[in-house]
Amino acid sequence: MATSTSGTVAFLGIGLMGSRQAKRLLDAGHSLTVWNRSREKAEALSRFGARVVDTAPEAVSNADVVILMLENGRTVTDVLFTQGVVSALRPGAIVVDMSSIKPAEAQDHAKHLAERGVHHLDAPVSGGTLGAEQGTLAIMAGGESEVFDRVESILKIMGRPVHVGPHGAGQLAKLANQIIVGVTIGAVAEALLLAQRGGADPAKVREALRGGFAESRILELHGQRMVERDFATKGRSVTHLKDLDNALDAAERIALDALPYTSLTADLFRGLIDNAGDLDHSGLLVELERRNSASSPASRG
């Protein structure tokens, strides 16, 4: 087994997730350099011991491990190759990309980094801001097993890492996660809408279903948000739609012709965003209500 890496860590991308993940690394005693396009977001970590810098290349210049938590594949490509990070990385460094991007993008990044003697893992996460704060994220890692072994102890500070296969496999696992989550959110929303329109109390229906075969974290957490109509953003619909579109792109690349649940759920999220904005993804209920407005009890008089 390869020896673990416990040296200097750079963290690029201090958003809702990254700020919490970086805080856990600082609390665990890691020497951490952080960068974010909006410096003020990164500055909040300085009081916990982080070194805040102005540019991404400066952040990674002496790092053994570089963690990325960025918005999408285009941004990852820009930070790595346009902003000069790849030139500032020293040979032997490990880039752990925890962003959610296309599997093909992750494979391309790994190839170009390897040409410069830099290791790469794609290691997207699931678990939201609460999981990031509590260190309980599901972490799905793709790449060489020896490289995974070297950073596993760092990843364990942020959650439960599992090596799932070669480069790009982590992103495929994340897309599988997002399909399951998105389709289940839609199913819960549809079921509660049916119950409510038929005269049942959706809160009581949710309570009755808990513990049976329909039980899930989605029914527990997102179902409660639907009952309370609390659609303040905890999981962005725009991000979920991006992941579903990436899943459809990945399916096309490997000649999977039909992912009907994924296609329908992506269409629902697109309608939600177009008509109600970037609500929490439990707000899929709002889009189902809109699509059924013509047949609502009120409209039938």
Protein backbone atom coordinates (compact mmCIF):
# COMPACT_ATOMS: atom_id res chain seq x y z
CA MET A 1 0.00 0.00 0.00
CA ALA A 2 1.27 3.46 -0.81
CA THR A 3 2.23 5.74 2.03
CA SER A 4 -0.24 8.42 3.01
CA THR A 5 0.20 12.07 2.15
CA SER A 6 -0.12 14.48 5.06
CA GLY A 7 1.75 17.58 3.87
CA THR A 8 0.61 20.96 2.66
CA VAL A 9 -2.89 21.11 1.19
CA ALA A 10 -4.32 23.75 -1.15
CA PHE A 11 -8.09 24.16 -1.44
CA LEU A 12 -9.52 25.95 -4.47
CA GLY A 13 -13.19 26.90 -4.35
CA ILE A 14 -14.56 28.22 -1.06
CA GLY A 15 -18.30 28.10 -1.64
CA LEU A 16 -21.12 26.57 0.38
CA MET A 17 -19.49 23.14 0.29
CA GLY A 18 -15.82 24.06 0.04
CA SER A 19 -15.89 26.40 3.03
CA ARG A 20 -17.15 23.61 5.28
CA GLN A 21 -14.78 20.99 3.90
CA ALA A 22 -11.81 23.33 4.28
CA LYS A 23 -12.84 24.13 7.85
CA ARG A 24 -12.76 20.43 8.72
CA LEU A 25 -9.24 20.10 7.31
CA LEU A 26 -8.11 23.08 9.37
CA ASP A 27 -9.72 21.68 12.50
CA ALA A 28 -7.83 18.43 11.87
CA GLY A 29 -4.53 20.32 11.92
CA HIS A 30 -3.70 20.47 8.22
CA SER A 31 -1.63 23.33 6.86
CA LEU A 32 -4.07 24.82 4.37
CA THR A 33 -3.76 27.46 1.65
CA VAL A 34 -7.08 28.58 0.19
CA TRP A 35 -8.17 30.47 -2.90
CA ASN A 36 -11.51 31.62 -4.22
CA ARG A 37 -12.44 33.94 -7.07
CA SER A 38 -14.25 36.10 -4.52
CA ARG A 39 -11.49 36.51 -1.95
CA GLU A 40 -13.86 37.59 0.84
CA LYS A 41 -15.36 34.08 0.98
CA ALA A 42 -11.91 32.62 1.56
CA GLU A 43 -11.00 35.31 4.11
CA ALA A 44 -13.55 33.83 6.53
CA LEU A 45 -11.20 30.86 6.98
CA SER A 46 -8.18 32.97 7.90
CA ARG A 47 -9.22 33.15 11.55
CA PHE A 48 -9.04 29.35 11.68
CA GLY A 49 -5.46 29.33 10.40
CA ALA A 50 -5.84 29.21 6.62
CA ARG A 51 -3.43 31.13 4.42
CA VAL A 52 -5.47 33.11 1.91
CA VAL A 53 -3.90 34.01 -1.45
CA ASP A 54 -4.95 36.06 -4.45
CA THR A 55 -4.32 33.59 -7.28
CA ALA A 56 -4.85 29.89 -7.83
CA PRO A 57 -1.25 29.26 -9.02
CA GLU A 58 0.07 30.86 -5.83
CA ALA A 59 -2.13 28.57 -3.76
CA VAL A 60 -0.79 25.37 -5.32
CA SER A 61 2.88 26.23 -5.80
CA ASN A 62 4.08 24.34 -2.70
CA ALA A 63 1.17 21.95 -2.18
CA ASP A 64 1.43 18.19 -1.93
CA VAL A 65 -2.33 17.84 -2.38
CA VAL A 66 -4.63 20.22 -4.27
CA ILE A 67 -8.38 19.92 -3.71
CA LEU A 68 -10.80 21.48 -6.19
CA MET A 69 -14.43 22.24 -5.34
CA LEU A 70 -15.59 24.27 -8.31
CA GLU A 71 -18.89 24.90 -10.09
CA ASN A 72 -18.56 22.82 -13.25
CA GLY A 73 -16.17 21.23 -15.70
CA ARG A 74 -15.65 24.42 -17.67
CA THR A 75 -14.53 26.20 -14.51
CA VAL A 76 -12.22 23.33 -13.52
CA THR A 77 -10.61 23.41 -16.97
CA ASP A 78 -10.21 27.18 -16.77
CA VAL A 79 -8.60 27.12 -13.31
CA LEU A 80 -6.26 24.24 -14.14
CA PHE A 81 -5.13 25.15 -17.62
CA THR A 82 -6.01 28.78 -18.39
CA GLN A 83 -5.23 30.40 -15.06
CA GLY A 84 -1.91 28.61 -14.82
CA VAL A 85 -2.41 26.10 -12.02
CA VAL A 86 -1.00 23.24 -14.08
CA SER A 87 2.26 25.13 -14.60
CA ALA A 88 2.57 25.94 -10.89
CA LEU A 89 2.04 22.36 -9.70
CA ARG A 90 5.16 20.47 -8.77
CA PRO A 91 5.73 16.96 -10.14
CA GLY A 92 4.32 14.30 -7.83
CA ALA A 93 1.54 16.51 -6.49
CA ILE A 94 -1.96 15.06 -6.32
CA VAL A 95 -4.99 16.93 -7.67
CA VAL A 96 -8.23 15.75 -6.06
CA ASP A 97 -11.14 17.20 -8.02
CA MET A 98 -14.24 17.04 -5.82
CA SER A 99 -16.30 19.09 -8.28
CA SER A 100 -19.17 17.43 -10.13
CA ILE A 101 -18.23 17.38 -13.82
CA LYS A 102 -18.55 15.13 -16.87
CA PRO A 103 -16.66 11.82 -16.71
CA ALA A 104 -15.03 12.64 -20.05
CA GLU A 105 -13.78 15.95 -18.65
CA ALA A 106 -12.26 14.18 -15.64
CA GLN A 107 -10.50 11.71 -17.93
CA ASP A 108 -9.15 14.53 -20.06
CA HIS A 109 -7.87 16.43 -17.02
CA ALA A 110 -6.17 13.28 -15.70
CA LYS A 111 -4.44 12.71 -19.04
CA HIS A 112 -3.05 16.24 -19.31
CA LEU A 113 -1.94 16.35 -15.67
CA ALA A 114 -0.16 12.99 -16.05
CA GLU A 115 1.84 14.45 -18.94
CA ARG A 116 3.29 16.89 -16.40
CA GLY A 117 3.93 14.26 -13.73
CA VAL A 118 0.91 15.24 -11.62
CA HIS A 119 -1.50 12.65 -10.20
CA HIS A 120 -5.28 13.03 -10.41
CA LEU A 121 -8.39 11.70 -8.71
CA ASP A 122 -11.95 12.64 -9.54
CA ALA A 123 -13.75 12.48 -6.19
CA PRO A 124 -17.17 14.14 -6.27
CA VAL A 125 -19.34 14.09 -3.18
CA SER A 126 -22.91 13.71 -2.00
CA GLY A 127 -24.40 14.80 1.29
CA GLY A 128 -24.94 18.53 0.95
CA THR A 129 -23.78 21.30 3.23
CA LEU A 130 -24.75 19.38 6.36
CA GLY A 131 -22.61 16.43 5.30
CA ALA A 132 -19.74 18.79 4.52
CA GLU A 133 -20.03 20.40 7.94
CA GLN A 134 -20.27 17.12 9.82
CA GLY A 135 -17.67 15.26 7.76
CA THR A 136 -20.13 12.62 6.59
CA LEU A 137 -19.98 13.17 2.82
CA ALA A 138 -20.15 10.19 0.50
CA ILE A 139 -16.95 10.52 -1.55
CA MET A 140 -16.71 8.57 -4.82
CA ALA A 141 -13.15 8.41 -6.12
CA GLY A 142 -11.90 7.48 -9.57
CA GLY A 143 -8.25 7.08 -10.51
CA GLU A 144 -5.29 4.92 -9.57
CA SER A 145 -5.74 2.96 -6.35
CA GLU A 146 -2.21 3.81 -5.18
CA VAL A 147 -2.97 7.53 -5.43
CA PHE A 148 -6.24 7.04 -3.59
CA ASP A 149 -4.38 5.28 -0.78
CA ARG A 150 -2.07 8.27 -0.38
CA VAL A 151 -4.90 10.76 0.18
CA GLU A 152 -7.47 8.50 1.85
CA SER A 153 -6.68 9.84 5.33
CA ILE A 154 -7.35 13.40 4.12
CA LEU A 155 -10.58 12.39 2.43
CA LYS A 156 -11.76 10.62 5.60
CA ILE A 157 -11.72 13.95 7.42
CA MET A 158 -14.44 15.09 5.01
CA GLY A 159 -16.48 11.90 4.77
CA ARG A 160 -16.55 8.29 3.67
CA PRO A 161 -14.31 7.79 0.63
CA VAL A 162 -14.66 4.75 -1.62
CA HIS A 163 -12.44 4.01 -4.60
CA VAL A 164 -14.87 3.04 -7.37
CA GLY A 165 -12.64 2.55 -10.43
CA PRO A 166 -10.37 4.30 -12.97
CA HIS A 167 -10.36 7.97 -13.97
CA GLY A 168 -13.91 9.17 -14.57
CA ALA A 169 -15.50 6.44 -12.44
CA GLY A 170 -15.97 8.81 -9.52
CA GLN A 171 -17.98 11.13 -11.74
CA LEU A 172 -20.05 8.20 -13.04
CA ALA A 173 -20.83 7.21 -9.45
CA LYS A 174 -21.89 10.78 -8.68
CA LEU A 175 -24.15 10.84 -11.73
CA ALA A 176 -25.70 7.57 -10.57
CA ASN A 177 -26.31 9.21 -7.20
CA GLN A 178 -27.92 12.25 -8.81
CA ILE A 179 -30.20 10.10 -10.96
CA ILE A 180 -31.42 8.22 -7.87
CA VAL A 181 -31.87 11.40 -5.83
CA GLY A 182 -33.58 13.35 -8.62
CA VAL A 183 -35.96 10.59 -9.65
CA THR A 184 -36.85 9.90 -6.00
CA ILE A 185 -37.52 13.58 -5.31
CA GLY A 186 -39.88 13.55 -8.29
CA ALA A 187 -41.59 10.39 -7.07
CA VAL A 188 -42.10 11.78 -3.55
CA ALA A 189 -43.42 15.08 -4.94
CA GLU A 190 -45.81 13.29 -7.28
CA ALA A 191 -47.08 10.99 -4.52
CA LEU A 192 -47.69 13.82 -2.05
CA LEU A 193 -49.42 15.88 -4.75
CA LEU A 194 -51.70 12.96 -5.54
CA ALA A 195 -52.51 12.51 -1.86
CA GLN A 196 -53.25 16.19 -1.32
CA ARG A 197 -55.39 16.61 -4.44
CA GLY A 198 -57.37 13.54 -3.43
CA GLY A 199 -58.18 14.98 -0.01
CA ALA A 200 -55.57 13.29 2.20
CA ASP A 201 -53.28 15.20 4.55
CA PRO A 202 -49.83 15.07 2.87
CA ALA A 203 -48.05 15.44 6.22
CA LYS A 204 -49.93 12.45 7.60
CA VAL A 205 -49.37 10.46 4.40
CA ARG A 206 -45.65 11.08 4.69
CA GLU A 207 -45.78 9.99 8.33
CA ALA A 208 -47.70 6.84 7.41
CA LEU A 209 -45.19 5.89 4.72
CA ARG A 210 -42.16 6.28 6.99
CA GLY A 211 -40.63 2.92 7.89
CA GLY A 212 -42.27 1.03 5.02
CA PHE A 213 -40.76 0.13 1.66
CA ALA A 214 -41.13 3.77 0.54
CA GLU A 215 -38.83 4.99 3.32
CA SER A 216 -35.79 6.96 2.17
CA ARG A 217 -33.73 9.99 3.11
CA ILE A 218 -35.61 11.79 0.35
CA LEU A 219 -39.00 11.03 1.90
CA GLU A 220 -37.61 11.99 5.31
CA LEU A 221 -35.89 15.28 4.45
CA HIS A 222 -37.24 16.49 1.12
CA GLY A 223 -40.72 15.21 1.87
CA GLN A 224 -40.72 17.33 5.01
CA ARG A 225 -39.64 20.38 3.01
CA MET A 226 -42.50 19.75 0.60
CA VAL A 227 -45.01 19.46 3.44
CA GLU A 228 -43.71 22.69 5.01
CA ARG A 229 -43.23 24.31 1.57
CA ASP A 230 -39.71 25.25 2.61
CA PHE A 231 -37.89 25.58 -0.70
CA ALA A 232 -35.04 27.79 0.52
CA THR A 233 -32.00 26.55 -1.36
CA LYS A 234 -30.03 23.78 0.33
CA GLY A 235 -29.48 21.79 -2.86
CA ARG A 236 -29.57 23.91 -6.03
CA SER A 237 -31.91 22.85 -8.81
CA VAL A 238 -29.54 24.37 -11.37
CA THR A 239 -26.75 22.12 -10.10
CA HIS A 240 -28.98 19.06 -10.12
CA LEU A 241 -30.06 19.76 -13.68
CA LYS A 242 -26.41 20.12 -14.70
CA ASP A 243 -25.70 16.68 -13.23
CA LEU A 244 -28.66 15.06 -14.97
CA ASP A 245 -27.62 16.61 -18.28
CA ASN A 246 -24.11 15.27 -17.67
CA ALA A 247 -25.59 11.82 -17.03
CA LEU A 248 -27.43 11.95 -20.35
CA ASP A 249 -24.22 13.08 -22.07
CA ALA A 250 -22.30 10.18 -20.49
CA ALA A 251 -25.01 7.73 -21.56
CA GLU A 252 -24.80 8.95 -25.15
CA ARG A 253 -21.02 8.50 -25.15
CA ILE A 254 -21.33 4.84 -24.13
CA ALA A 255 -24.28 4.12 -26.45
CA LEU A 256 -27.00 3.90 -23.81
CA ASP A 257 -29.97 4.99 -25.86
CA ALA A 258 -32.71 5.21 -23.24
CA LEU A 259 -32.60 6.66 -19.74
CA PRO A 260 -36.27 7.63 -19.53
CA TYR A 261 -36.41 8.44 -15.80
CA THR A 262 -33.34 10.65 -16.09
CA SER A 263 -34.70 12.42 -19.19
CA LEU A 264 -38.08 13.10 -17.58
CA THR A 265 -36.55 14.33 -14.33
CA ALA A 266 -34.22 16.67 -16.23
CA ASP A 267 -37.24 18.04 -18.10
CA LEU A 268 -39.05 18.66 -14.80
CA PHE A 269 -36.06 20.50 -13.34
CA ARG A 270 -35.77 22.58 -16.51
CA GLY A 271 -39.41 23.58 -16.18
CA LEU A 272 -38.97 24.40 -12.49
CA ILE A 273 -36.00 26.68 -13.16
CA ASP A 274 -37.66 28.38 -16.14
CA ASN A 275 -40.88 29.08 -14.26
CA ALA A 276 -39.96 29.41 -10.57
CA GLY A 277 -36.20 29.99 -10.47
CA ASP A 278 -33.42 28.13 -8.73
CA LEU A 279 -35.33 26.74 -5.76
CA ASP A 280 -34.13 23.89 -3.59
CA HIS A 281 -34.43 20.67 -5.57
CA SER A 282 -37.33 19.59 -3.34
CA GLY A 283 -39.16 22.40 -5.15
CA LEU A 284 -39.80 19.92 -7.96
CA LEU A 285 -43.23 19.77 -6.30
CA VAL A 286 -43.84 23.33 -7.53
CA GLU A 287 -43.27 22.30 -11.14
CA LEU A 288 -45.60 19.31 -10.80
CA GLU A 289 -48.25 21.61 -9.33
CA ARG A 290 -47.79 23.99 -12.27
CA ARG A 291 -48.18 21.19 -14.79
CA ASN A 292 -51.36 20.04 -13.05
CA SER A 293 -52.86 23.50 -12.50
CA ALA A 294 -55.44 23.04 -15.27
CA SER A 295 -56.87 20.01 -13.48
CA SER A 296 -56.68 21.34 -9.92
CA PRO A 297 -59.84 21.26 -7.78
CA ALA A 298 -59.94 25.09 -7.78
CA SER A 299 -59.86 25.31 -11.57
CA ARG A 300 -62.63 22.76 -11.87
CA GLY A 301 -64.81 24.95 -9.64
